[in-house]
Amino acid sequence: MDTVQILARPRHLSGSDVAVKIRRAGLLPAVIYGNGLASRSIAVDPQPVRKGLQSAFGRNQLFHVTIDGKEHLAICKEVQLDPVKRTLKHVDFFAVTPATPITVTLPVTLSGRSLGQKAGGRLEQITRYVQVACTPTTLPKLVDIDVTSFENGTAMTIETMPLPAGVTAVYKKAFKIFELFAPKVEEKTETDGKKDGKK
């Protein structure tokens, strides 16, 4: 379980004017709540938050947020960005425990070259992100699917998608992840068979 350390400063005032002053001071306004923790307004250094969100885990990065000497394991529940500069404006941290079930969105990647592609077929990835349920201790960076053994005419749905131990898919309908299409066969026209001017 990879985490990013953050030292938070408690703040007792809130509001847009206070948030502006916090940002001018080089800090990032934030809140932390969840897991029996009453919502607390805090200010944090934006650099480790940015570093965490740019990691391989992305928005699913886990943080250790320390407030008044007490450490809280947390995940970003909501991230607000400046619409123009794309800089961090505000972050909501949701406190969890290593055994707390959480629902996250993971990217889906396909690796390898399938048997179908080697035979001239076309691989189409239909879904690039999936929702899964897991705990912080079983949280993967992504879902990677090896397609090398798949032939043309086959498809994988979220029901049959392989997932790491401790991770389950969350979905309402069995949508497709990818599908392999056989190469198109060109139909011969009546004129294709004409030779030497014969009709």
N, C-alpha and C. Protein backbone atom coordinates (compact mmCIF):
# COMPACT_ATOMS: atom_id res chain seq x y z
N MET A 1 0.86 -1.20 0.00
CA MET A 1 0.00 0.00 0.00
C MET A 1 0.89 1.25 0.00
N ASP A 2 1.02 1.89 -1.15
CA ASP A 2 1.85 3.09 -1.28
C ASP A 2 1.07 4.31 -0.79
N THR A 3 1.69 5.10 0.08
CA THR A 3 1.02 6.30 0.60
C THR A 3 1.93 7.51 0.46
N VAL A 4 1.31 8.68 0.48
CA VAL A 4 2.02 9.96 0.46
C VAL A 4 1.77 10.66 1.79
N GLN A 5 2.83 11.13 2.41
CA GLN A 5 2.71 11.78 3.71
C GLN A 5 2.34 13.26 3.56
N ILE A 6 1.37 13.70 4.36
CA ILE A 6 0.94 15.10 4.35
C ILE A 6 0.81 15.59 5.79
N LEU A 7 1.45 16.72 6.07
CA LEU A 7 1.30 17.36 7.37
C LEU A 7 0.29 18.49 7.23
N ALA A 8 -0.85 18.36 7.93
CA ALA A 8 -1.94 19.33 7.79
C ALA A 8 -1.99 20.29 8.97
N ARG A 9 -2.38 21.50 8.67
CA ARG A 9 -2.59 22.52 9.70
C ARG A 9 -4.09 22.69 9.91
N PRO A 10 -4.56 22.56 11.14
CA PRO A 10 -6.00 22.80 11.37
C PRO A 10 -6.34 24.26 11.14
N ARG A 11 -7.52 24.51 10.61
CA ARG A 11 -7.98 25.90 10.44
C ARG A 11 -9.37 26.00 11.03
N HIS A 12 -9.62 27.11 11.66
CA HIS A 12 -10.88 27.28 12.40
C HIS A 12 -11.87 28.19 11.68
N LEU A 13 -11.42 28.79 10.59
CA LEU A 13 -12.30 29.65 9.79
C LEU A 13 -12.46 29.05 8.40
N SER A 14 -13.60 29.31 7.78
CA SER A 14 -13.86 28.81 6.44
C SER A 14 -14.51 29.91 5.61
N GLY A 15 -14.77 29.61 4.36
CA GLY A 15 -15.35 30.62 3.47
C GLY A 15 -14.40 30.95 2.34
N SER A 16 -14.94 31.56 1.29
CA SER A 16 -14.16 31.87 0.09
C SER A 16 -13.02 32.85 0.38
N ASP A 17 -13.27 33.85 1.22
CA ASP A 17 -12.23 34.83 1.53
C ASP A 17 -11.06 34.17 2.27
N VAL A 18 -11.39 33.28 3.20
CA VAL A 18 -10.35 32.57 3.94
C VAL A 18 -9.57 31.66 2.99
N ALA A 19 -10.27 31.01 2.07
CA ALA A 19 -9.61 30.11 1.12
C ALA A 19 -8.63 30.88 0.24
N VAL A 20 -9.02 32.08 -0.18
CA VAL A 20 -8.13 32.91 -1.00
C VAL A 20 -6.85 33.25 -0.24
N LYS A 21 -7.00 33.61 1.03
CA LYS A 21 -5.83 33.95 1.85
C LYS A 21 -4.91 32.74 2.04
N ILE A 22 -5.52 31.57 2.19
CA ILE A 22 -4.73 30.34 2.36
C ILE A 22 -3.92 30.06 1.10
N ARG A 23 -4.54 30.23 -0.06
CA ARG A 23 -3.83 29.99 -1.32
C ARG A 23 -2.72 31.01 -1.53
N ARG A 24 -2.97 32.26 -1.15
CA ARG A 24 -1.95 33.29 -1.27
C ARG A 24 -0.73 32.99 -0.40
N ALA A 25 -0.98 32.27 0.69
CA ALA A 25 0.10 31.88 1.58
C ALA A 25 0.83 30.64 1.08
N GLY A 26 0.43 30.14 -0.10
CA GLY A 26 1.09 28.98 -0.68
C GLY A 26 0.56 27.65 -0.20
N LEU A 27 -0.59 27.67 0.47
CA LEU A 27 -1.18 26.44 0.98
C LEU A 27 -2.46 26.09 0.23
N LEU A 28 -2.95 24.90 0.48
CA LEU A 28 -4.16 24.41 -0.19
C LEU A 28 -5.25 24.17 0.85
N PRO A 29 -6.41 24.85 0.72
CA PRO A 29 -7.52 24.57 1.65
C PRO A 29 -8.08 23.18 1.41
N ALA A 30 -8.43 22.50 2.49
CA ALA A 30 -8.94 21.14 2.37
C ALA A 30 -9.80 20.81 3.57
N VAL A 31 -10.50 19.68 3.47
CA VAL A 31 -11.25 19.14 4.60
C VAL A 31 -10.97 17.65 4.68
N ILE A 32 -11.15 17.10 5.86
CA ILE A 32 -11.02 15.65 6.03
C ILE A 32 -12.18 15.17 6.89
N TYR A 33 -12.77 14.04 6.52
CA TYR A 33 -13.92 13.49 7.24
C TYR A 33 -14.00 12.00 6.94
N GLY A 34 -14.92 11.32 7.58
CA GLY A 34 -15.13 9.89 7.34
C GLY A 34 -14.52 9.02 8.41
N ASN A 35 -14.96 7.75 8.45
CA ASN A 35 -14.44 6.75 9.39
C ASN A 35 -14.60 7.23 10.84
N GLY A 36 -15.74 7.85 11.11
CA GLY A 36 -16.02 8.33 12.46
C GLY A 36 -15.34 9.63 12.81
N LEU A 37 -14.63 10.22 11.86
CA LEU A 37 -13.93 11.48 12.10
C LEU A 37 -14.85 12.64 11.73
N ALA A 38 -15.09 13.54 12.66
CA ALA A 38 -15.90 14.72 12.37
C ALA A 38 -15.18 15.57 11.34
N SER A 39 -15.95 16.18 10.45
CA SER A 39 -15.35 16.99 9.39
C SER A 39 -14.47 18.09 9.98
N ARG A 40 -13.23 18.16 9.47
CA ARG A 40 -12.30 19.17 9.95
C ARG A 40 -11.73 19.95 8.77
N SER A 41 -11.69 21.27 8.92
CA SER A 41 -11.09 22.13 7.90
C SER A 41 -9.59 22.19 8.16
N ILE A 42 -8.81 21.99 7.10
CA ILE A 42 -7.36 21.99 7.24
C ILE A 42 -6.73 22.75 6.08
N ALA A 43 -5.44 23.02 6.22
CA ALA A 43 -4.64 23.60 5.14
C ALA A 43 -3.41 22.73 4.98
N VAL A 44 -3.06 22.42 3.72
CA VAL A 44 -1.94 21.51 3.47
C VAL A 44 -1.02 22.07 2.39
N ASP A 45 0.18 21.56 2.36
CA ASP A 45 1.12 21.89 1.28
C ASP A 45 0.60 21.24 0.00
N PRO A 46 0.39 22.01 -1.07
CA PRO A 46 -0.18 21.42 -2.29
C PRO A 46 0.79 20.49 -3.02
N GLN A 47 2.09 20.62 -2.76
CA GLN A 47 3.07 19.84 -3.52
C GLN A 47 2.92 18.33 -3.34
N PRO A 48 2.86 17.80 -2.10
CA PRO A 48 2.67 16.35 -1.97
C PRO A 48 1.32 15.87 -2.48
N VAL A 49 0.30 16.73 -2.39
CA VAL A 49 -1.01 16.35 -2.93
C VAL A 49 -0.91 16.22 -4.45
N ARG A 50 -0.28 17.19 -5.08
CA ARG A 50 -0.10 17.15 -6.53
C ARG A 50 0.74 15.94 -6.93
N LYS A 51 1.79 15.69 -6.17
CA LYS A 51 2.66 14.54 -6.45
C LYS A 51 1.87 13.24 -6.38
N GLY A 52 1.03 13.12 -5.36
CA GLY A 52 0.23 11.91 -5.21
C GLY A 52 -0.76 11.73 -6.34
N LEU A 53 -1.43 12.81 -6.73
CA LEU A 53 -2.44 12.72 -7.79
C LEU A 53 -1.82 12.46 -9.16
N GLN A 54 -0.53 12.75 -9.30
CA GLN A 54 0.18 12.49 -10.55
C GLN A 54 0.90 11.15 -10.54
N SER A 55 0.73 10.38 -9.47
CA SER A 55 1.36 9.07 -9.37
C SER A 55 0.61 8.06 -10.23
N ALA A 56 1.10 6.83 -10.23
CA ALA A 56 0.45 5.77 -11.01
C ALA A 56 -0.96 5.48 -10.51
N PHE A 57 -1.25 5.80 -9.23
CA PHE A 57 -2.58 5.58 -8.68
C PHE A 57 -3.56 6.69 -9.06
N GLY A 58 -3.05 7.86 -9.43
CA GLY A 58 -3.91 8.98 -9.82
C GLY A 58 -4.84 9.41 -8.70
N ARG A 59 -6.12 9.56 -9.03
CA ARG A 59 -7.12 10.00 -8.04
C ARG A 59 -7.33 8.97 -6.92
N ASN A 60 -6.80 7.77 -7.11
CA ASN A 60 -6.96 6.73 -6.09
C ASN A 60 -5.77 6.66 -5.13
N GLN A 61 -4.87 7.62 -5.22
CA GLN A 61 -3.71 7.62 -4.35
C GLN A 61 -4.12 7.71 -2.88
N LEU A 62 -3.46 6.95 -2.04
CA LEU A 62 -3.70 6.98 -0.60
C LEU A 62 -2.72 7.95 0.07
N PHE A 63 -3.22 8.67 1.05
CA PHE A 63 -2.42 9.64 1.79
C PHE A 63 -2.45 9.32 3.27
N HIS A 64 -1.37 9.65 3.94
CA HIS A 64 -1.35 9.67 5.40
C HIS A 64 -1.37 11.14 5.81
N VAL A 65 -2.51 11.59 6.30
CA VAL A 65 -2.69 13.00 6.69
C VAL A 65 -2.52 13.12 8.20
N THR A 66 -1.53 13.88 8.62
CA THR A 66 -1.26 14.06 10.04
C THR A 66 -1.80 15.40 10.52
N ILE A 67 -2.69 15.35 11.53
CA ILE A 67 -3.27 16.56 12.13
C ILE A 67 -3.06 16.49 13.64
N ASP A 68 -2.45 17.52 14.17
CA ASP A 68 -2.21 17.58 15.62
C ASP A 68 -1.52 16.32 16.13
N GLY A 69 -0.60 15.81 15.33
CA GLY A 69 0.16 14.64 15.75
C GLY A 69 -0.52 13.31 15.53
N LYS A 70 -1.77 13.32 15.05
CA LYS A 70 -2.49 12.07 14.80
C LYS A 70 -2.57 11.81 13.30
N GLU A 71 -2.23 10.59 12.90
CA GLU A 71 -2.17 10.23 11.48
C GLU A 71 -3.47 9.56 11.04
N HIS A 72 -3.95 9.98 9.86
CA HIS A 72 -5.17 9.40 9.29
C HIS A 72 -4.89 8.91 7.88
N LEU A 73 -5.25 7.67 7.60
CA LEU A 73 -5.18 7.14 6.24
C LEU A 73 -6.37 7.69 5.47
N ALA A 74 -6.14 8.23 4.28
CA ALA A 74 -7.24 8.89 3.56
C ALA A 74 -7.04 8.78 2.05
N ILE A 75 -8.14 8.95 1.35
CA ILE A 75 -8.15 8.99 -0.11
C ILE A 75 -8.87 10.27 -0.53
N CYS A 76 -8.52 10.82 -1.69
CA CYS A 76 -9.17 12.03 -2.17
C CYS A 76 -10.59 11.71 -2.64
N LYS A 77 -11.56 12.29 -1.97
CA LYS A 77 -12.95 12.06 -2.35
C LYS A 77 -13.36 13.03 -3.46
N GLU A 78 -12.84 14.25 -3.38
CA GLU A 78 -13.17 15.26 -4.40
C GLU A 78 -11.99 16.21 -4.55
N VAL A 79 -11.69 16.55 -5.79
CA VAL A 79 -10.59 17.46 -6.10
C VAL A 79 -11.14 18.60 -6.97
N GLN A 80 -10.96 19.83 -6.51
CA GLN A 80 -11.39 21.00 -7.29
C GLN A 80 -10.17 21.65 -7.93
N LEU A 81 -10.27 21.91 -9.23
CA LEU A 81 -9.19 22.53 -9.99
C LEU A 81 -9.62 23.89 -10.51
N ASP A 82 -8.68 24.79 -10.65
CA ASP A 82 -8.95 26.07 -11.29
C ASP A 82 -9.28 25.79 -12.75
N PRO A 83 -10.41 26.28 -13.25
CA PRO A 83 -10.83 25.95 -14.62
C PRO A 83 -9.89 26.46 -15.70
N VAL A 84 -9.10 27.47 -15.41
CA VAL A 84 -8.19 28.03 -16.40
C VAL A 84 -6.76 27.52 -16.19
N LYS A 85 -6.25 27.72 -14.97
CA LYS A 85 -4.86 27.35 -14.68
C LYS A 85 -4.69 25.86 -14.41
N ARG A 86 -5.79 25.16 -14.09
CA ARG A 86 -5.77 23.74 -13.76
C ARG A 86 -4.94 23.44 -12.51
N THR A 87 -4.80 24.44 -11.65
CA THR A 87 -4.11 24.24 -10.38
C THR A 87 -5.11 23.78 -9.33
N LEU A 88 -4.61 23.17 -8.27
CA LEU A 88 -5.48 22.69 -7.19
C LEU A 88 -6.11 23.86 -6.45
N LYS A 89 -7.42 23.75 -6.21
CA LYS A 89 -8.13 24.79 -5.45
C LYS A 89 -8.59 24.29 -4.09
N HIS A 90 -9.02 23.03 -4.04
CA HIS A 90 -9.55 22.48 -2.80
C HIS A 90 -9.57 20.96 -2.92
N VAL A 91 -9.36 20.28 -1.80
CA VAL A 91 -9.38 18.82 -1.78
C VAL A 91 -10.19 18.33 -0.59
N ASP A 92 -11.03 17.33 -0.83
CA ASP A 92 -11.74 16.64 0.24
C ASP A 92 -11.05 15.30 0.48
N PHE A 93 -10.53 15.10 1.68
CA PHE A 93 -9.94 13.82 2.05
C PHE A 93 -10.97 12.99 2.80
N PHE A 94 -11.06 11.71 2.44
CA PHE A 94 -11.98 10.80 3.11
C PHE A 94 -11.16 9.79 3.90
N ALA A 95 -11.29 9.82 5.22
CA ALA A 95 -10.52 8.95 6.09
C ALA A 95 -11.02 7.50 5.99
N VAL A 96 -10.09 6.56 5.93
CA VAL A 96 -10.42 5.13 5.83
C VAL A 96 -9.50 4.35 6.77
N THR A 97 -9.72 3.05 6.85
CA THR A 97 -8.80 2.15 7.53
C THR A 97 -8.31 1.14 6.50
N PRO A 98 -7.24 0.41 6.78
CA PRO A 98 -6.76 -0.59 5.81
C PRO A 98 -7.81 -1.61 5.40
N ALA A 99 -8.82 -1.83 6.27
CA ALA A 99 -9.86 -2.82 5.97
C ALA A 99 -11.16 -2.18 5.49
N THR A 100 -11.19 -0.85 5.33
CA THR A 100 -12.41 -0.17 4.90
C THR A 100 -12.72 -0.44 3.43
N PRO A 101 -13.91 -0.98 3.09
CA PRO A 101 -14.25 -1.16 1.68
C PRO A 101 -14.45 0.20 1.01
N ILE A 102 -13.84 0.39 -0.13
CA ILE A 102 -13.99 1.63 -0.88
C ILE A 102 -14.32 1.29 -2.33
N THR A 103 -14.99 2.21 -3.01
CA THR A 103 -15.30 2.04 -4.43
C THR A 103 -14.51 3.08 -5.21
N VAL A 104 -13.75 2.61 -6.19
CA VAL A 104 -12.90 3.50 -6.97
C VAL A 104 -13.05 3.18 -8.45
N THR A 105 -12.61 4.11 -9.29
CA THR A 105 -12.60 3.91 -10.73
C THR A 105 -11.17 3.65 -11.18
N LEU A 106 -10.97 2.54 -11.91
CA LEU A 106 -9.64 2.15 -12.36
C LEU A 106 -9.55 2.17 -13.88
N PRO A 107 -8.40 2.57 -14.42
CA PRO A 107 -8.20 2.47 -15.87
C PRO A 107 -8.01 1.01 -16.28
N VAL A 108 -8.44 0.68 -17.49
CA VAL A 108 -8.28 -0.67 -18.04
C VAL A 108 -7.30 -0.60 -19.20
N THR A 109 -6.26 -1.45 -19.16
CA THR A 109 -5.31 -1.52 -20.26
C THR A 109 -5.31 -2.94 -20.83
N LEU A 110 -5.02 -3.05 -22.12
CA LEU A 110 -4.92 -4.34 -22.80
C LEU A 110 -3.47 -4.54 -23.21
N SER A 111 -2.90 -5.68 -22.86
CA SER A 111 -1.51 -5.94 -23.20
C SER A 111 -1.38 -7.19 -24.06
N GLY A 112 -0.34 -7.20 -24.88
CA GLY A 112 -0.11 -8.33 -25.77
C GLY A 112 -0.79 -8.17 -27.11
N ARG A 113 -0.49 -9.09 -28.02
CA ARG A 113 -1.11 -9.11 -29.34
C ARG A 113 -1.89 -10.40 -29.46
N SER A 114 -3.18 -10.28 -29.68
CA SER A 114 -4.06 -11.44 -29.66
C SER A 114 -3.87 -12.34 -30.88
N LEU A 115 -4.34 -13.58 -30.75
CA LEU A 115 -4.33 -14.51 -31.89
C LEU A 115 -5.17 -13.95 -33.03
N GLY A 116 -6.28 -13.29 -32.63
CA GLY A 116 -7.14 -12.71 -33.66
C GLY A 116 -6.45 -11.63 -34.45
N GLN A 117 -5.70 -10.78 -33.80
CA GLN A 117 -4.97 -9.72 -34.49
C GLN A 117 -3.89 -10.30 -35.40
N LYS A 118 -3.23 -11.35 -34.93
CA LYS A 118 -2.22 -11.99 -35.76
C LYS A 118 -2.82 -12.60 -37.02
N ALA A 119 -4.11 -12.95 -36.94
CA ALA A 119 -4.80 -13.51 -38.10
C ALA A 119 -5.45 -12.42 -38.95
N GLY A 120 -5.16 -11.17 -38.64
CA GLY A 120 -5.70 -10.07 -39.44
C GLY A 120 -6.93 -9.40 -38.85
N GLY A 121 -7.33 -9.82 -37.67
CA GLY A 121 -8.52 -9.25 -37.04
C GLY A 121 -8.25 -7.90 -36.39
N ARG A 122 -9.32 -7.32 -35.87
CA ARG A 122 -9.24 -5.99 -35.26
C ARG A 122 -9.71 -6.07 -33.81
N LEU A 123 -8.90 -5.52 -32.92
CA LEU A 123 -9.24 -5.48 -31.50
C LEU A 123 -9.81 -4.10 -31.16
N GLU A 124 -11.01 -4.09 -30.61
CA GLU A 124 -11.64 -2.82 -30.22
C GLU A 124 -11.86 -2.81 -28.71
N GLN A 125 -11.22 -1.85 -28.04
CA GLN A 125 -11.44 -1.68 -26.61
C GLN A 125 -12.65 -0.78 -26.41
N ILE A 126 -13.67 -1.31 -25.77
CA ILE A 126 -14.94 -0.60 -25.62
C ILE A 126 -15.00 0.17 -24.32
N THR A 127 -14.42 -0.38 -23.26
CA THR A 127 -14.44 0.25 -21.95
C THR A 127 -13.02 0.53 -21.49
N ARG A 128 -12.76 1.77 -21.09
CA ARG A 128 -11.41 2.13 -20.65
C ARG A 128 -11.32 2.38 -19.15
N TYR A 129 -12.47 2.40 -18.47
CA TYR A 129 -12.48 2.57 -17.02
C TYR A 129 -13.56 1.69 -16.42
N VAL A 130 -13.29 1.12 -15.26
CA VAL A 130 -14.28 0.30 -14.56
C VAL A 130 -14.31 0.70 -13.09
N GLN A 131 -15.48 0.55 -12.49
CA GLN A 131 -15.62 0.77 -11.06
C GLN A 131 -15.41 -0.55 -10.34
N VAL A 132 -14.63 -0.51 -9.27
CA VAL A 132 -14.39 -1.72 -8.49
C VAL A 132 -14.50 -1.40 -7.01
N ALA A 133 -14.74 -2.45 -6.23
CA ALA A 133 -14.75 -2.34 -4.77
C ALA A 133 -13.57 -3.13 -4.23
N CYS A 134 -12.88 -2.54 -3.26
CA CYS A 134 -11.72 -3.20 -2.66
C CYS A 134 -11.41 -2.49 -1.33
N THR A 135 -10.33 -2.87 -0.71
CA THR A 135 -9.87 -2.18 0.48
C THR A 135 -8.57 -1.46 0.12
N PRO A 136 -8.13 -0.51 0.93
CA PRO A 136 -6.86 0.15 0.65
C PRO A 136 -5.68 -0.81 0.52
N THR A 137 -5.74 -1.94 1.21
CA THR A 137 -4.63 -2.90 1.14
C THR A 137 -4.63 -3.70 -0.15
N THR A 138 -5.77 -3.77 -0.84
CA THR A 138 -5.85 -4.53 -2.09
C THR A 138 -6.04 -3.62 -3.30
N LEU A 139 -5.90 -2.32 -3.10
CA LEU A 139 -6.14 -1.35 -4.17
C LEU A 139 -5.05 -1.44 -5.25
N PRO A 140 -5.42 -1.81 -6.50
CA PRO A 140 -4.43 -1.85 -7.57
C PRO A 140 -4.32 -0.50 -8.29
N LYS A 141 -3.26 -0.33 -9.07
CA LYS A 141 -3.11 0.90 -9.85
C LYS A 141 -4.07 0.90 -11.04
N LEU A 142 -4.27 -0.28 -11.63
CA LEU A 142 -5.10 -0.40 -12.83
C LEU A 142 -5.51 -1.85 -13.01
N VAL A 143 -6.31 -2.08 -14.05
CA VAL A 143 -6.67 -3.44 -14.43
C VAL A 143 -6.01 -3.71 -15.78
N ASP A 144 -5.06 -4.63 -15.82
CA ASP A 144 -4.36 -4.96 -17.05
C ASP A 144 -4.81 -6.34 -17.52
N ILE A 145 -5.25 -6.44 -18.77
CA ILE A 145 -5.77 -7.70 -19.31
C ILE A 145 -4.86 -8.18 -20.43
N ASP A 146 -4.36 -9.40 -20.31
CA ASP A 146 -3.52 -10.02 -21.33
C ASP A 146 -4.44 -10.62 -22.39
N VAL A 147 -4.36 -10.13 -23.62
CA VAL A 147 -5.28 -10.57 -24.68
C VAL A 147 -4.66 -11.58 -25.63
N THR A 148 -3.44 -12.04 -25.36
CA THR A 148 -2.71 -12.86 -26.34
C THR A 148 -3.44 -14.15 -26.73
N SER A 149 -4.25 -14.71 -25.87
CA SER A 149 -4.88 -16.00 -26.17
C SER A 149 -6.25 -15.88 -26.83
N PHE A 150 -6.71 -14.67 -27.09
CA PHE A 150 -8.06 -14.49 -27.62
C PHE A 150 -8.09 -14.51 -29.15
N GLU A 151 -9.11 -15.19 -29.69
CA GLU A 151 -9.27 -15.30 -31.14
C GLU A 151 -10.38 -14.38 -31.62
N ASN A 152 -10.44 -14.20 -32.94
CA ASN A 152 -11.47 -13.36 -33.53
C ASN A 152 -12.86 -13.91 -33.22
N GLY A 153 -13.80 -13.00 -33.02
CA GLY A 153 -15.17 -13.40 -32.71
C GLY A 153 -15.43 -13.51 -31.22
N THR A 154 -14.42 -13.30 -30.40
CA THR A 154 -14.61 -13.38 -28.96
C THR A 154 -14.69 -11.98 -28.35
N ALA A 155 -15.28 -11.91 -27.18
CA ALA A 155 -15.40 -10.63 -26.47
C ALA A 155 -15.29 -10.91 -24.97
N MET A 156 -14.88 -9.90 -24.24
CA MET A 156 -14.83 -10.03 -22.79
C MET A 156 -15.78 -9.01 -22.17
N THR A 157 -16.60 -9.47 -21.24
CA THR A 157 -17.49 -8.57 -20.52
C THR A 157 -16.93 -8.36 -19.12
N ILE A 158 -17.50 -7.41 -18.41
CA ILE A 158 -17.03 -7.12 -17.06
C ILE A 158 -17.24 -8.31 -16.13
N GLU A 159 -18.20 -9.19 -16.47
CA GLU A 159 -18.44 -10.40 -15.67
C GLU A 159 -17.25 -11.34 -15.69
N THR A 160 -16.57 -11.42 -16.83
CA THR A 160 -15.46 -12.37 -16.99
C THR A 160 -14.10 -11.69 -16.91
N MET A 161 -14.07 -10.40 -16.65
CA MET A 161 -12.81 -9.67 -16.58
C MET A 161 -11.98 -10.14 -15.39
N PRO A 162 -10.72 -10.51 -15.61
CA PRO A 162 -9.88 -10.95 -14.49
C PRO A 162 -9.49 -9.78 -13.60
N LEU A 163 -9.62 -9.97 -12.29
CA LEU A 163 -9.29 -8.93 -11.32
C LEU A 163 -8.36 -9.49 -10.26
N PRO A 164 -7.53 -8.64 -9.67
CA PRO A 164 -6.64 -9.11 -8.59
C PRO A 164 -7.45 -9.59 -7.40
N ALA A 165 -6.81 -10.38 -6.55
CA ALA A 165 -7.47 -10.88 -5.35
C ALA A 165 -7.91 -9.73 -4.46
N GLY A 166 -9.13 -9.83 -3.94
CA GLY A 166 -9.65 -8.80 -3.06
C GLY A 166 -10.32 -7.65 -3.79
N VAL A 167 -10.44 -7.75 -5.12
CA VAL A 167 -11.05 -6.68 -5.92
C VAL A 167 -12.24 -7.26 -6.67
N THR A 168 -13.40 -6.60 -6.60
CA THR A 168 -14.60 -7.05 -7.31
C THR A 168 -15.16 -5.91 -8.15
N ALA A 169 -15.73 -6.25 -9.28
CA ALA A 169 -16.29 -5.24 -10.18
C ALA A 169 -17.64 -4.76 -9.65
N VAL A 170 -17.93 -3.49 -9.88
CA VAL A 170 -19.20 -2.89 -9.49
C VAL A 170 -19.90 -2.44 -10.77
N TYR A 171 -21.06 -3.02 -11.07
CA TYR A 171 -21.74 -2.69 -12.32
C TYR A 171 -23.21 -3.07 -12.24
N LYS A 172 -24.01 -2.47 -13.11
CA LYS A 172 -25.44 -2.76 -13.15
C LYS A 172 -25.79 -3.67 -14.32
N LYS A 173 -24.98 -3.64 -15.38
CA LYS A 173 -25.21 -4.50 -16.54
C LYS A 173 -23.86 -5.01 -17.04
N ALA A 174 -23.88 -6.16 -17.67
CA ALA A 174 -22.64 -6.81 -18.10
C ALA A 174 -22.16 -6.21 -19.43
N PHE A 175 -21.58 -5.02 -19.35
CA PHE A 175 -21.09 -4.37 -20.57
C PHE A 175 -19.76 -4.99 -21.02
N LYS A 176 -19.42 -4.74 -22.29
CA LYS A 176 -18.20 -5.32 -22.86
C LYS A 176 -16.97 -4.49 -22.52
N ILE A 177 -15.87 -5.19 -22.33
CA ILE A 177 -14.57 -4.54 -22.13
C ILE A 177 -13.86 -4.39 -23.46
N PHE A 178 -13.82 -5.48 -24.23
CA PHE A 178 -13.24 -5.43 -25.58
C PHE A 178 -13.88 -6.51 -26.44
N GLU A 179 -13.66 -6.40 -27.75
CA GLU A 179 -14.18 -7.39 -28.69
C GLU A 179 -13.20 -7.52 -29.85
N LEU A 180 -13.07 -8.75 -30.35
CA LEU A 180 -12.20 -9.02 -31.48
C LEU A 180 -13.04 -9.31 -32.71
N PHE A 181 -12.78 -8.55 -33.78
CA PHE A 181 -13.55 -8.70 -35.01
C PHE A 181 -12.68 -9.35 -36.09
N ALA A 182 -13.27 -10.31 -36.81
CA ALA A 182 -12.56 -10.97 -37.90
C ALA A 182 -12.37 -9.99 -39.05
N PRO A 183 -11.35 -10.19 -39.87
CA PRO A 183 -11.15 -9.28 -41.01
C PRO A 183 -12.31 -9.37 -41.98
N LYS A 184 -12.64 -8.24 -42.58
CA LYS A 184 -13.74 -8.20 -43.54
C LYS A 184 -13.35 -8.94 -44.82
N VAL A 185 -14.30 -9.71 -45.34
CA VAL A 185 -14.09 -10.42 -46.59
C VAL A 185 -14.82 -9.66 -47.68
N GLU A 186 -14.08 -9.24 -48.71
CA GLU A 186 -14.70 -8.48 -49.80
C GLU A 186 -15.53 -9.41 -50.67
N GLU A 187 -16.77 -9.00 -50.92
CA GLU A 187 -17.67 -9.80 -51.76
C GLU A 187 -17.34 -9.58 -53.22
N LYS A 188 -17.34 -10.67 -53.99
CA LYS A 188 -17.07 -10.57 -55.42
C LYS A 188 -18.32 -10.09 -56.16
N THR A 189 -18.12 -9.20 -57.10
CA THR A 189 -19.25 -8.74 -57.92
C THR A 189 -19.37 -9.63 -59.13
N GLU A 190 -20.44 -9.45 -59.91
CA GLU A 190 -20.67 -10.27 -61.10
C GLU A 190 -19.55 -10.09 -62.11
N THR A 191 -18.97 -8.90 -62.15
CA THR A 191 -17.93 -8.62 -63.15
C THR A 191 -16.59 -9.22 -62.75
N ASP A 192 -16.44 -9.60 -61.44
CA ASP A 192 -15.17 -10.17 -60.99
C ASP A 192 -14.84 -11.46 -61.72
N GLY A 193 -15.88 -12.24 -62.08
CA GLY A 193 -15.64 -13.53 -62.69
C GLY A 193 -15.55 -13.49 -64.19
N LYS A 194 -15.75 -12.32 -64.81
CA LYS A 194 -15.71 -12.23 -66.26
C LYS A 194 -14.29 -12.27 -66.77
N LYS A 195 -14.00 -13.12 -67.69
CA LYS A 195 -12.67 -13.23 -68.29
C LYS A 195 -12.78 -13.26 -69.82
N ASP A 196 -11.82 -12.67 -70.45
CA ASP A 196 -11.73 -12.67 -71.92
C ASP A 196 -13.02 -12.19 -72.59
N GLY A 197 -13.71 -11.27 -71.90
CA GLY A 197 -14.91 -10.68 -72.49
C GLY A 197 -16.11 -11.58 -72.45
N LYS A 198 -16.02 -12.73 -71.78
CA LYS A 198 -17.18 -13.62 -71.69
C LYS A 198 -18.20 -13.10 -70.70
N LYS A 199 -19.47 -13.36 -70.98
CA LYS A 199 -20.56 -12.94 -70.12
C LYS A 199 -21.20 -14.13 -69.46
